[in-house]
Amino acid sequence: MINLFRHSATFSLAALILFNNGCVGYRFGSIKPAKLSHIKSIAIPPFKNKTLKQRSQVLVANEVIKKIQQDGSYAVADLDSADAVLHGVIKNVSKRQLRSSRTDTLRTREIQIIVEITYTLKESGTGTILHEGRVVGRAGAYLDPNFQLTERQALQIAARNAATSLALRLSEGY
């Protein structure tokens, strides 16, 4: 019985050593870029809308807030208590035909919505630009009789894809 206990303890210790050696260099949690390592919280006011798509700015800002919260690298805070402020501008919302009807090439069956966002992350106290860039989100949708609803849903998915890219750039640097 004691011999069995020694063998199982030795085996457990060997497995633990092998497991730990296999994970050397990896760590859990966020890996922020060095220039953003001191930032703990970000304020995200509604984005500016330079397009003709009404109410897009709130939709895009909400998607960015959700993605940053899901990532967990930064806390989302109000303007007074945040370490940095993320300013965004929706530069372009465009759509294009991906697929047409077989019998009528002018009749669209599937569309693609493209959202282009420029952003600037500024330090709250000094106004120093910490990070800036441009992200693009795309989404395709099959058209149904309610064209406006389909387009709005595709816009939300494209905004979510752009927000995912933006959150990755802020949290991991790419």
C-alpha atoms as a PDB file:
ATOM      1  CA  MET A   1       0.000   0.000   0.000  1.00  0.00           C
ATOM      2  CA  ILE A   2       2.815   2.413   0.905  1.00  0.00           C
ATOM      3  CA  ASN A   3       4.656   1.379  -2.251  1.00  0.00           C
ATOM      4  CA  LEU A   4       1.570   2.228  -4.339  1.00  0.00           C
ATOM      5  CA  PHE A   5       1.277   5.620  -2.617  1.00  0.00           C
ATOM      6  CA  ARG A   6       4.942   6.410  -3.382  1.00  0.00           C
ATOM      7  CA  HIS A   7       4.508   5.511  -7.048  1.00  0.00           C
ATOM      8  CA  SER A   8       1.371   7.629  -7.427  1.00  0.00           C
ATOM      9  CA  ALA A   9       3.012  10.558  -5.615  1.00  0.00           C
ATOM     10  CA  THR A  10       6.095  10.255  -7.843  1.00  0.00           C
ATOM     11  CA  PHE A  11       3.900  10.045 -10.929  1.00  0.00           C
ATOM     12  CA  SER A  12       1.871  13.110  -9.848  1.00  0.00           C
ATOM     13  CA  LEU A  13       5.045  15.095  -9.187  1.00  0.00           C
ATOM     14  CA  ALA A  14       6.489  14.139 -12.581  1.00  0.00           C
ATOM     15  CA  ALA A  15       3.244  15.095 -14.350  1.00  0.00           C
ATOM     16  CA  LEU A  16       3.196  18.444 -12.546  1.00  0.00           C
ATOM     17  CA  ILE A  17       6.790  19.199 -13.570  1.00  0.00           C
ATOM     18  CA  LEU A  18       6.098  18.272 -17.203  1.00  0.00           C
ATOM     19  CA  PHE A  19       2.940  20.361 -17.275  1.00  0.00           C
ATOM     20  CA  ASN A  20       4.667  23.426 -15.853  1.00  0.00           C
ATOM     21  CA  ASN A  21       7.605  23.116 -18.254  1.00  0.00           C
ATOM     22  CA  GLY A  22       5.233  23.002 -21.202  1.00  0.00           C
ATOM     23  CA  CYS A  23       3.678  26.330 -20.217  1.00  0.00           C
ATOM     24  CA  VAL A  24       6.865  28.321 -19.716  1.00  0.00           C
ATOM     25  CA  GLY A  25       6.415  31.787 -21.205  1.00  0.00           C
ATOM     26  CA  TYR A  26       2.623  31.707 -21.193  1.00  0.00           C
ATOM     27  CA  ARG A  27       0.541  33.711 -18.805  1.00  0.00           C
ATOM     28  CA  PHE A  28      -3.120  34.307 -18.133  1.00  0.00           C
ATOM     29  CA  GLY A  29      -4.754  37.725 -18.356  1.00  0.00           C
ATOM     30  CA  SER A  30      -4.349  40.638 -20.700  1.00  0.00           C
ATOM     31  CA  ILE A  31      -1.157  41.445 -22.549  1.00  0.00           C
ATOM     32  CA  LYS A  32      -1.420  45.152 -23.194  1.00  0.00           C
ATOM     33  CA  PRO A  33       0.953  47.026 -25.483  1.00  0.00           C
ATOM     34  CA  ALA A  34       3.810  48.656 -23.537  1.00  0.00           C
ATOM     35  CA  LYS A  35       2.631  52.193 -24.308  1.00  0.00           C
ATOM     36  CA  LEU A  36      -0.821  51.392 -22.875  1.00  0.00           C
ATOM     37  CA  SER A  37       0.274  49.382 -19.838  1.00  0.00           C
ATOM     38  CA  HIS A  38      -0.483  52.214 -17.394  1.00  0.00           C
ATOM     39  CA  ILE A  39      -4.080  52.615 -18.663  1.00  0.00           C
ATOM     40  CA  LYS A  40      -6.626  50.809 -16.499  1.00  0.00           C
ATOM     41  CA  SER A  41      -9.908  52.407 -17.611  1.00  0.00           C
ATOM     42  CA  ILE A  42     -11.266  53.952 -20.799  1.00  0.00           C
ATOM     43  CA  ALA A  43     -14.187  56.331 -21.364  1.00  0.00           C
ATOM     44  CA  ILE A  44     -16.064  55.864 -24.632  1.00  0.00           C
ATOM     45  CA  PRO A  45     -18.324  58.780 -25.587  1.00  0.00           C
ATOM     46  CA  PRO A  46     -20.666  58.387 -28.591  1.00  0.00           C
ATOM     47  CA  PHE A  47     -18.744  58.386 -31.831  1.00  0.00           C
ATOM     48  CA  LYS A  48     -19.046  61.183 -34.387  1.00  0.00           C
ATOM     49  CA  ASN A  49     -21.005  60.262 -37.471  1.00  0.00           C
ATOM     50  CA  LYS A  50     -19.682  61.638 -40.780  1.00  0.00           C
ATOM     51  CA  THR A  51     -22.114  59.540 -42.812  1.00  0.00           C
ATOM     52  CA  LEU A  52     -25.737  59.834 -43.837  1.00  0.00           C
ATOM     53  CA  LYS A  53     -26.717  56.751 -41.785  1.00  0.00           C
ATOM     54  CA  GLN A  54     -28.693  58.159 -38.880  1.00  0.00           C
ATOM     55  CA  ARG A  55     -28.157  56.847 -35.330  1.00  0.00           C
ATOM     56  CA  SER A  56     -25.077  54.854 -36.356  1.00  0.00           C
ATOM     57  CA  GLN A  57     -22.851  56.570 -33.809  1.00  0.00           C
ATOM     58  CA  VAL A  58     -24.634  55.101 -30.774  1.00  0.00           C
ATOM     59  CA  LEU A  59     -24.822  51.651 -32.369  1.00  0.00           C
ATOM     60  CA  VAL A  60     -21.074  51.613 -33.066  1.00  0.00           C
ATOM     61  CA  ALA A  61     -20.101  53.026 -29.653  1.00  0.00           C
ATOM     62  CA  ASN A  62     -22.254  50.417 -27.891  1.00  0.00           C
ATOM     63  CA  GLU A  63     -20.592  47.610 -29.838  1.00  0.00           C
ATOM     64  CA  VAL A  64     -17.138  48.973 -28.947  1.00  0.00           C
ATOM     65  CA  ILE A  65     -18.103  49.167 -25.256  1.00  0.00           C
ATOM     66  CA  LYS A  66     -19.357  45.560 -25.318  1.00  0.00           C
ATOM     67  CA  LYS A  67     -16.170  44.270 -26.956  1.00  0.00           C
ATOM     68  CA  ILE A  68     -13.851  46.123 -24.570  1.00  0.00           C
ATOM     69  CA  GLN A  69     -15.837  44.812 -21.606  1.00  0.00           C
ATOM     70  CA  GLN A  70     -15.730  41.262 -22.992  1.00  0.00           C
ATOM     71  CA  ASP A  71     -11.978  41.504 -23.524  1.00  0.00           C
ATOM     72  CA  GLY A  72     -11.407  42.616 -19.935  1.00  0.00           C
ATOM     73  CA  SER A  73      -8.117  44.443 -20.516  1.00  0.00           C
ATOM     74  CA  TYR A  74      -9.661  47.788 -19.619  1.00  0.00           C
ATOM     75  CA  ALA A  75     -12.550  48.881 -17.453  1.00  0.00           C
ATOM     76  CA  VAL A  76     -15.105  51.129 -19.124  1.00  0.00           C
ATOM     77  CA  ALA A  77     -15.574  54.269 -17.013  1.00  0.00           C
ATOM     78  CA  ASP A  78     -17.140  57.707 -17.253  1.00  0.00           C
ATOM     79  CA  LEU A  79     -15.222  60.742 -18.522  1.00  0.00           C
ATOM     80  CA  ASP A  80     -14.374  62.018 -15.034  1.00  0.00           C
ATOM     81  CA  SER A  81     -12.683  58.889 -13.703  1.00  0.00           C
ATOM     82  CA  ALA A  82     -11.163  57.270 -16.813  1.00  0.00           C
ATOM     83  CA  ASP A  83      -7.421  57.109 -17.489  1.00  0.00           C
ATOM     84  CA  ALA A  84      -7.981  57.554 -21.241  1.00  0.00           C
ATOM     85  CA  VAL A  85     -10.751  58.577 -23.633  1.00  0.00           C
ATOM     86  CA  LEU A  86     -11.492  56.779 -26.893  1.00  0.00           C
ATOM     87  CA  HIS A  87     -12.764  59.171 -29.571  1.00  0.00           C
ATOM     88  CA  GLY A  88     -14.164  57.592 -32.701  1.00  0.00           C
ATOM     89  CA  VAL A  89     -15.446  58.822 -36.032  1.00  0.00           C
ATOM     90  CA  ILE A  90     -17.584  56.782 -38.398  1.00  0.00           C
ATOM     91  CA  LYS A  91     -16.034  57.810 -41.697  1.00  0.00           C
ATOM     92  CA  ASN A  92     -17.997  55.703 -44.110  1.00  0.00           C
ATOM     93  CA  VAL A  93     -20.889  53.258 -44.247  1.00  0.00           C
ATOM     94  CA  SER A  94     -21.255  51.727 -47.663  1.00  0.00           C
ATOM     95  CA  LYS A  95     -23.069  48.805 -49.185  1.00  0.00           C
ATOM     96  CA  ARG A  96     -22.491  46.763 -52.258  1.00  0.00           C
ATOM     97  CA  GLN A  97     -24.178  43.973 -54.087  1.00  0.00           C
ATOM     98  CA  LEU A  98     -22.699  40.551 -53.451  1.00  0.00           C
ATOM     99  CA  ARG A  99     -25.229  38.441 -55.310  1.00  0.00           C
ATOM    100  CA  SER A 100     -28.034  39.235 -57.707  1.00  0.00           C
ATOM    101  CA  SER A 101     -31.105  37.389 -58.823  1.00  0.00           C
ATOM    102  CA  ARG A 102     -30.533  34.815 -61.542  1.00  0.00           C
ATOM    103  CA  THR A 103     -33.191  36.254 -63.763  1.00  0.00           C
ATOM    104  CA  ASP A 104     -32.655  39.974 -63.022  1.00  0.00           C
ATOM    105  CA  THR A 105     -29.108  41.201 -62.402  1.00  0.00           C
ATOM    106  CA  LEU A 106     -30.393  44.521 -61.067  1.00  0.00           C
ATOM    107  CA  ARG A 107     -32.307  42.799 -58.280  1.00  0.00           C
ATOM    108  CA  THR A 108     -30.065  42.276 -55.256  1.00  0.00           C
ATOM    109  CA  ARG A 109     -30.217  39.012 -53.307  1.00  0.00           C
ATOM    110  CA  GLU A 110     -27.275  39.553 -50.967  1.00  0.00           C
ATOM    111  CA  ILE A 111     -25.587  42.754 -49.826  1.00  0.00           C
ATOM    112  CA  GLN A 112     -22.428  43.604 -47.947  1.00  0.00           C
ATOM    113  CA  ILE A 113     -22.327  46.483 -45.478  1.00  0.00           C
ATOM    114  CA  ILE A 114     -18.912  48.046 -44.810  1.00  0.00           C
ATOM    115  CA  VAL A 115     -18.272  50.305 -41.803  1.00  0.00           C
ATOM    116  CA  GLU A 116     -15.066  52.345 -41.623  1.00  0.00           C
ATOM    117  CA  ILE A 117     -14.058  53.860 -38.267  1.00  0.00           C
ATOM    118  CA  THR A 118     -11.117  56.038 -37.310  1.00  0.00           C
ATOM    119  CA  TYR A 119     -10.240  56.279 -33.627  1.00  0.00           C
ATOM    120  CA  THR A 120      -7.931  58.129 -31.263  1.00  0.00           C
ATOM    121  CA  LEU A 121      -7.127  57.085 -27.708  1.00  0.00           C
ATOM    122  CA  LYS A 122      -6.071  60.099 -25.642  1.00  0.00           C
ATOM    123  CA  GLU A 123      -4.780  60.242 -22.097  1.00  0.00           C
ATOM    124  CA  SER A 124      -7.311  61.973 -19.856  1.00  0.00           C
ATOM    125  CA  GLY A 125      -5.053  64.320 -17.944  1.00  0.00           C
ATOM    126  CA  THR A 126      -2.689  65.471 -20.661  1.00  0.00           C
ATOM    127  CA  GLY A 127      -4.559  64.863 -23.908  1.00  0.00           C
ATOM    128  CA  THR A 128      -1.563  62.967 -25.262  1.00  0.00           C
ATOM    129  CA  ILE A 129      -2.433  60.671 -28.148  1.00  0.00           C
ATOM    130  CA  LEU A 130      -1.646  57.129 -27.009  1.00  0.00           C
ATOM    131  CA  HIS A 131      -2.967  55.196 -29.982  1.00  0.00           C
ATOM    132  CA  GLU A 132      -4.798  55.960 -33.206  1.00  0.00           C
ATOM    133  CA  GLY A 133      -5.824  54.071 -36.272  1.00  0.00           C
ATOM    134  CA  ARG A 134      -8.529  52.887 -38.633  1.00  0.00           C
ATOM    135  CA  VAL A 135     -10.647  49.739 -38.533  1.00  0.00           C
ATOM    136  CA  VAL A 136     -13.115  48.297 -41.009  1.00  0.00           C
ATOM    137  CA  GLY A 137     -16.000  45.943 -40.322  1.00  0.00           C
ATOM    138  CA  ARG A 138     -17.905  43.985 -42.948  1.00  0.00           C
ATOM    139  CA  ALA A 139     -21.084  41.948 -42.879  1.00  0.00           C
ATOM    140  CA  GLY A 140     -23.158  40.226 -45.523  1.00  0.00           C
ATOM    141  CA  ALA A 141     -26.891  39.666 -45.463  1.00  0.00           C
ATOM    142  CA  TYR A 142     -29.507  38.062 -47.679  1.00  0.00           C
ATOM    143  CA  LEU A 143     -32.290  40.498 -48.442  1.00  0.00           C
ATOM    144  CA  ASP A 144     -35.810  39.750 -47.381  1.00  0.00           C
ATOM    145  CA  PRO A 145     -38.915  41.838 -48.093  1.00  0.00           C
ATOM    146  CA  ASN A 146     -38.137  44.151 -45.156  1.00  0.00           C
ATOM    147  CA  PHE A 147     -35.055  45.746 -46.707  1.00  0.00           C
ATOM    148  CA  GLN A 148     -34.531  48.366 -43.976  1.00  0.00           C
ATOM    149  CA  LEU A 149     -34.513  45.780 -41.184  1.00  0.00           C
ATOM    150  CA  THR A 150     -32.061  43.563 -43.071  1.00  0.00           C
ATOM    151  CA  GLU A 151     -29.769  46.505 -43.720  1.00  0.00           C
ATOM    152  CA  ARG A 152     -29.918  47.603 -40.065  1.00  0.00           C
ATOM    153  CA  GLN A 153     -29.073  44.099 -38.833  1.00  0.00           C
ATOM    154  CA  ALA A 154     -26.148  43.881 -41.255  1.00  0.00           C
ATOM    155  CA  LEU A 155     -24.955  47.295 -40.066  1.00  0.00           C
ATOM    156  CA  GLN A 156     -24.972  46.054 -36.479  1.00  0.00           C
ATOM    157  CA  ILE A 157     -22.932  42.971 -37.420  1.00  0.00           C
ATOM    158  CA  ALA A 158     -20.453  45.100 -39.385  1.00  0.00           C
ATOM    159  CA  ALA A 159     -20.168  47.457 -36.390  1.00  0.00           C
ATOM    160  CA  ARG A 160     -19.534  44.441 -34.142  1.00  0.00           C
ATOM    161  CA  ASN A 161     -16.764  43.217 -36.460  1.00  0.00           C
ATOM    162  CA  ALA A 162     -15.147  46.666 -36.507  1.00  0.00           C
ATOM    163  CA  ALA A 163     -15.446  46.864 -32.710  1.00  0.00           C
ATOM    164  CA  THR A 164     -13.726  43.484 -32.381  1.00  0.00           C
ATOM    165  CA  SER A 165     -10.801  44.764 -34.451  1.00  0.00           C
ATOM    166  CA  LEU A 166     -10.618  47.958 -32.409  1.00  0.00           C
ATOM    167  CA  ALA A 167     -10.684  46.106 -29.080  1.00  0.00           C
ATOM    168  CA  LEU A 168      -7.928  43.763 -30.264  1.00  0.00           C
ATOM    169  CA  ARG A 169      -5.759  46.688 -31.305  1.00  0.00           C
ATOM    170  CA  LEU A 170      -6.155  48.346 -27.925  1.00  0.00           C
ATOM    171  CA  SER A 171      -5.730  45.221 -25.821  1.00  0.00           C
ATOM    172  CA  GLU A 172      -3.089  43.318 -27.764  1.00  0.00           C
ATOM    173  CA  GLY A 173      -1.516  45.916 -30.034  1.00  0.00           C
ATOM    174  CA  TYR A 174      -2.522  44.543 -33.450  1.00  0.00           C
END
